[in-house]
Structures are given as C-alpha cells and as structure tokens.
C-alpha atoms as a PDB file:
ATOM      1  CA  MET A   1     -80.943 -74.155 117.639  1.00  0.00           C
ATOM      2  CA  THR A   2     -77.767 -76.166 117.848  1.00  0.00           C
ATOM      3  CA  THR A   3     -76.981 -78.473 120.744  1.00  0.00           C
ATOM      4  CA  TRP A   4     -74.685 -75.859 122.275  1.00  0.00           C
ATOM      5  CA  GLN A   5     -77.323 -73.147 121.902  1.00  0.00           C
ATOM      6  CA  VAL A   6     -79.786 -75.317 123.810  1.00  0.00           C
ATOM      7  CA  VAL A   7     -77.263 -75.901 126.595  1.00  0.00           C
ATOM      8  CA  ARG A   8     -76.411 -72.185 126.625  1.00  0.00           C
ATOM      9  CA  TRP A   9     -80.113 -71.251 126.873  1.00  0.00           C
ATOM     10  CA  TRP A  10     -80.457 -73.414 129.983  1.00  0.00           C
ATOM     11  CA  GLU A  11     -77.157 -72.376 131.530  1.00  0.00           C
ATOM     12  CA  LEU A  12     -77.930 -68.658 131.187  1.00  0.00           C
ATOM     13  CA  ARG A  13     -80.938 -69.286 133.427  1.00  0.00           C
ATOM     14  CA  ARG A  14     -79.098 -71.358 136.024  1.00  0.00           C
ATOM     15  CA  LEU A  15     -77.740 -68.387 138.004  1.00  0.00           C
ATOM     16  CA  PRO A  16     -81.140 -66.652 138.373  1.00  0.00           C
ATOM     17  CA  TYR A  17     -82.674 -70.059 139.217  1.00  0.00           C
ATOM     18  CA  ASN A  18     -80.114 -70.584 141.984  1.00  0.00           C
ATOM     19  CA  ALA A  19     -80.489 -67.020 143.261  1.00  0.00           C
ATOM     20  CA  ILE A  20     -84.267 -67.408 143.533  1.00  0.00           C
ATOM     21  CA  LEU A  21     -83.948 -70.720 145.369  1.00  0.00           C
ATOM     22  CA  PHE A  22     -81.264 -69.290 147.665  1.00  0.00           C
ATOM     23  CA  VAL A  23     -83.449 -66.359 148.742  1.00  0.00           C
ATOM     24  CA  ILE A  24     -86.505 -68.562 149.255  1.00  0.00           C
ATOM     25  CA  GLY A  25     -84.470 -71.182 151.105  1.00  0.00           C
ATOM     26  CA  ILE A  26     -82.805 -68.765 153.523  1.00  0.00           C
ATOM     27  CA  ALA A  27     -86.086 -66.964 154.234  1.00  0.00           C
ATOM     28  CA  SER A  28     -87.814 -70.295 154.722  1.00  0.00           C
ATOM     29  CA  ILE A  29     -85.213 -71.563 157.184  1.00  0.00           C
ATOM     30  CA  PHE A  30     -85.353 -68.338 159.217  1.00  0.00           C
ATOM     31  CA  ALA A  31     -89.157 -68.533 159.268  1.00  0.00           C
ATOM     32  CA  MET A  32     -89.086 -72.149 160.421  1.00  0.00           C
ATOM     33  CA  GLU A  33     -86.669 -71.282 163.218  1.00  0.00           C
ATOM     34  CA  PHE A  34     -88.854 -68.307 164.168  1.00  0.00           C
ATOM     35  CA  PHE A  35     -91.927 -70.526 164.513  1.00  0.00           C
ATOM     36  CA  ALA A  36     -89.985 -73.187 166.423  1.00  0.00           C
ATOM     37  CA  GLN A  37     -88.735 -70.574 168.894  1.00  0.00           C
ATOM     38  CA  LYS A  38     -92.244 -69.172 169.361  1.00  0.00           C
ATOM     39  CA  VAL A  39     -93.416 -72.631 170.419  1.00  0.00           C
ATOM     40  CA  ASN A  40     -90.365 -73.295 172.589  1.00  0.00           C
ATOM     41  CA  SER A  41     -90.353 -69.998 174.464  1.00  0.00           C
ATOM     42  CA  ALA A  42     -87.932 -71.388 177.045  1.00  0.00           C
ATOM     43  CA  GLY A  43     -85.216 -71.090 174.423  1.00  0.00           C
ATOM     44  CA  ASP A  44     -84.888 -74.800 173.856  1.00  0.00           C
ATOM     45  CA  ALA A  45     -85.789 -74.700 170.171  1.00  0.00           C
ATOM     46  CA  PRO A  46     -84.097 -77.526 168.321  1.00  0.00           C
ATOM     47  CA  GLU A  47     -80.853 -76.695 166.581  1.00  0.00           C
ATOM     48  CA  LEU A  48     -80.988 -77.246 162.863  1.00  0.00           C
ATOM     49  CA  GLU A  49     -78.170 -78.897 160.940  1.00  0.00           C
ATOM     50  CA  THR A  50     -78.563 -76.563 157.986  1.00  0.00           C
ATOM     51  CA  GLY A  51     -75.075 -76.215 156.490  1.00  0.00           C
ATOM     52  CA  LEU A  52     -74.702 -79.666 154.993  1.00  0.00           C
ATOM     53  CA  THR A  53     -78.411 -79.832 154.182  1.00  0.00           C
ATOM     54  CA  ILE A  54     -78.243 -76.607 152.172  1.00  0.00           C
ATOM     55  CA  VAL A  55     -75.199 -77.767 150.219  1.00  0.00           C
ATOM     56  CA  LEU A  56     -76.742 -81.165 149.450  1.00  0.00           C
ATOM     57  CA  TYR A  57     -80.056 -79.609 148.476  1.00  0.00           C
ATOM     58  CA  GLY A  58     -78.268 -77.162 146.171  1.00  0.00           C
ATOM     59  CA  LEU A  59     -76.342 -79.980 144.500  1.00  0.00           C
ATOM     60  CA  ILE A  60     -79.466 -82.079 143.995  1.00  0.00           C
ATOM     61  CA  ALA A  61     -81.436 -79.087 142.692  1.00  0.00           C
ATOM     62  CA  ASN A  62     -78.702 -78.368 140.159  1.00  0.00           C
ATOM     63  CA  LEU A  63     -78.517 -81.990 139.063  1.00  0.00           C
ATOM     64  CA  CYS A  64     -82.264 -81.914 138.458  1.00  0.00           C
ATOM     65  CA  TYR A  65     -81.878 -78.598 136.630  1.00  0.00           C
ATOM     66  CA  THR A  66     -79.291 -80.178 134.334  1.00  0.00           C
ATOM     67  CA  LEU A  67     -81.862 -82.812 133.430  1.00  0.00           C
ATOM     68  CA  GLY A  68     -83.831 -79.993 131.797  1.00  0.00           C
ATOM     69  CA  TRP A  69     -81.444 -79.505 128.936  1.00  0.00           C
ATOM     70  CA  ILE A  70     -80.716 -83.232 128.711  1.00  0.00           C
ATOM     71  CA  VAL A  71     -84.435 -83.944 128.290  1.00  0.00           C
ATOM     72  CA  GLU A  72     -84.710 -81.192 125.692  1.00  0.00           C
ATOM     73  CA  LEU A  73     -81.765 -82.555 123.701  1.00  0.00           C
ATOM     74  CA  ILE A  74     -83.283 -86.040 123.715  1.00  0.00           C
ATOM     75  CA  ALA A  75     -86.716 -84.691 122.691  1.00  0.00           C
ATOM     76  CA  ARG A  76     -85.136 -82.717 119.816  1.00  0.00           C
ATOM     77  CA  ARG A  77     -84.394 -86.004 118.042  1.00  0.00           C
ATOM     78  CA  LYS A  78     -88.101 -86.275 117.173  1.00  0.00           C
ATOM     79  CA  ASP A  79     -89.314 -82.681 116.826  1.00  0.00           C
ATOM     80  CA  LYS A  80     -87.055 -79.680 117.424  1.00  0.00           C
ATOM     81  CA  ALA A  81     -89.795 -77.033 117.469  1.00  0.00           C
ATOM     82  CA  ARG A  82     -91.987 -78.962 119.866  1.00  0.00           C
ATOM     83  CA  ALA A  83     -89.005 -79.762 122.100  1.00  0.00           C
ATOM     84  CA  ARG A  84     -88.205 -76.035 122.363  1.00  0.00           C
ATOM     85  CA  LEU A  85     -91.776 -75.193 123.419  1.00  0.00           C
ATOM     86  CA  ARG A  86     -91.776 -77.999 125.959  1.00  0.00           C
ATOM     87  CA  ALA A  87     -88.392 -76.862 127.274  1.00  0.00           C
ATOM     88  CA  LYS A  88     -89.752 -73.414 128.085  1.00  0.00           C
ATOM     89  CA  LYS A  89     -92.689 -74.976 129.914  1.00  0.00           C
ATOM     90  CA  LEU A  90     -90.374 -77.464 131.620  1.00  0.00           C
ATOM     91  CA  PHE A  91     -88.180 -74.629 132.860  1.00  0.00           C
ATOM     92  CA  LEU A  92     -91.130 -72.730 134.350  1.00  0.00           C
ATOM     93  CA  MET A  93     -92.668 -75.839 135.894  1.00  0.00           C
ATOM     94  CA  GLY A  94     -89.296 -76.836 137.321  1.00  0.00           C
ATOM     95  CA  LEU A  95     -88.744 -73.365 138.735  1.00  0.00           C
ATOM     96  CA  TRP A  96     -92.172 -73.276 140.391  1.00  0.00           C
ATOM     97  CA  GLY A  97     -91.791 -76.807 141.726  1.00  0.00           C
ATOM     98  CA  SER A  98     -88.329 -76.028 143.069  1.00  0.00           C
ATOM     99  CA  CYS A  99     -89.624 -72.875 144.751  1.00  0.00           C
ATOM    100  CA  LEU A 100     -92.423 -74.832 146.400  1.00  0.00           C
ATOM    101  CA  LEU A 101     -90.032 -77.543 147.583  1.00  0.00           C
ATOM    102  CA  THR A 102     -87.507 -74.958 148.783  1.00  0.00           C
ATOM    103  CA  SER A 103     -90.209 -73.250 150.839  1.00  0.00           C
ATOM    104  CA  ALA A 104     -90.963 -76.533 152.660  1.00  0.00           C
ATOM    105  CA  PRO A 105     -89.167 -75.482 155.892  1.00  0.00           C
ATOM    106  CA  PHE A 106     -91.510 -72.483 156.117  1.00  0.00           C
ATOM    107  CA  TRP A 107     -94.574 -74.710 155.767  1.00  0.00           C
ATOM    108  CA  PHE A 108     -93.199 -77.200 158.296  1.00  0.00           C
ATOM    109  CA  GLY A 109     -92.628 -74.293 160.684  1.00  0.00           C
ATOM    110  CA  VAL A 110     -96.175 -73.050 160.243  1.00  0.00           C
ATOM    111  CA  VAL A 111     -97.636 -76.517 160.832  1.00  0.00           C
ATOM    112  CA  PHE A 112     -95.353 -77.051 163.845  1.00  0.00           C
ATOM    113  CA  TRP A 113     -96.416 -73.726 165.319  1.00  0.00           C
ATOM    114  CA  MET A 114    -100.121 -74.331 164.684  1.00  0.00           C
ATOM    115  CA  THR A 115    -100.077 -77.811 166.198  1.00  0.00           C
ATOM    116  CA  ASN A 116     -97.967 -76.856 169.230  1.00  0.00           C
ATOM    117  CA  ARG A 117     -98.927 -73.283 170.124  1.00  0.00           C
ATOM    118  CA  SER A 118    -101.049 -74.316 173.112  1.00  0.00           C
ATOM    119  CA  ARG A 119     -97.965 -75.508 174.990  1.00  0.00           C
END
C-alpha cells in the first residue's frame, strides 16, 4: 500500500467510528441522567454541561484516531506487512477502547444510583 492508501484506509473508517461513538455517547448521557433523576426524585438532579464536553471529547477522540494512521506510517518504515496487520488490530483495539470510554457516563450513572438509592 502507498502512503495515501494507508491514510485512505483509516479515513474510510472514521465516519463509522464517529457514528458508533455518537450513538454510545448519547445513550450513555441519557442513561446517566436517568439514574441521577431516579436518585434525586425531587427533581433536583444536577444539570450536565454536555454541549462543550461532547464537542471536546469528539475532537480529542478524532485526534487520537488520527494517531492510528500516523503510527502505521511510522511502523511501515521497518516492515510494511507487519505494520498493516498491527494497524488492523490497532483500529479494533482503539474502537473498543473508545466505546468503553464513551460509555463512562452510563457506568458513572449506575454507580451513582447504586450508592445513593437509599436516599
């Protein structure tokens, strides 16, 4: 593969990557708010500053994603075939890690609910 083919391979996967993280992130935020409201039944659940947080998280996630093809291009200097195999694994590991991190608000909501439900 040429340098531009490597970049293209990664960039063709960026939109699905972002779509997956978007769906998980929105669902996770709604779940966290749901759990917070269950604990604070009086309606005084804390307001979340989500707009700027979502934009910043998306920017950081995409910067990290870009590191994928940069790392592959650097690794290709030594062994192109091995770099390609590692890139595929790197993509999947990055996707799974990003999904786990993006679901963090859900897990925080669950923990918050479990530790405060006796109120």
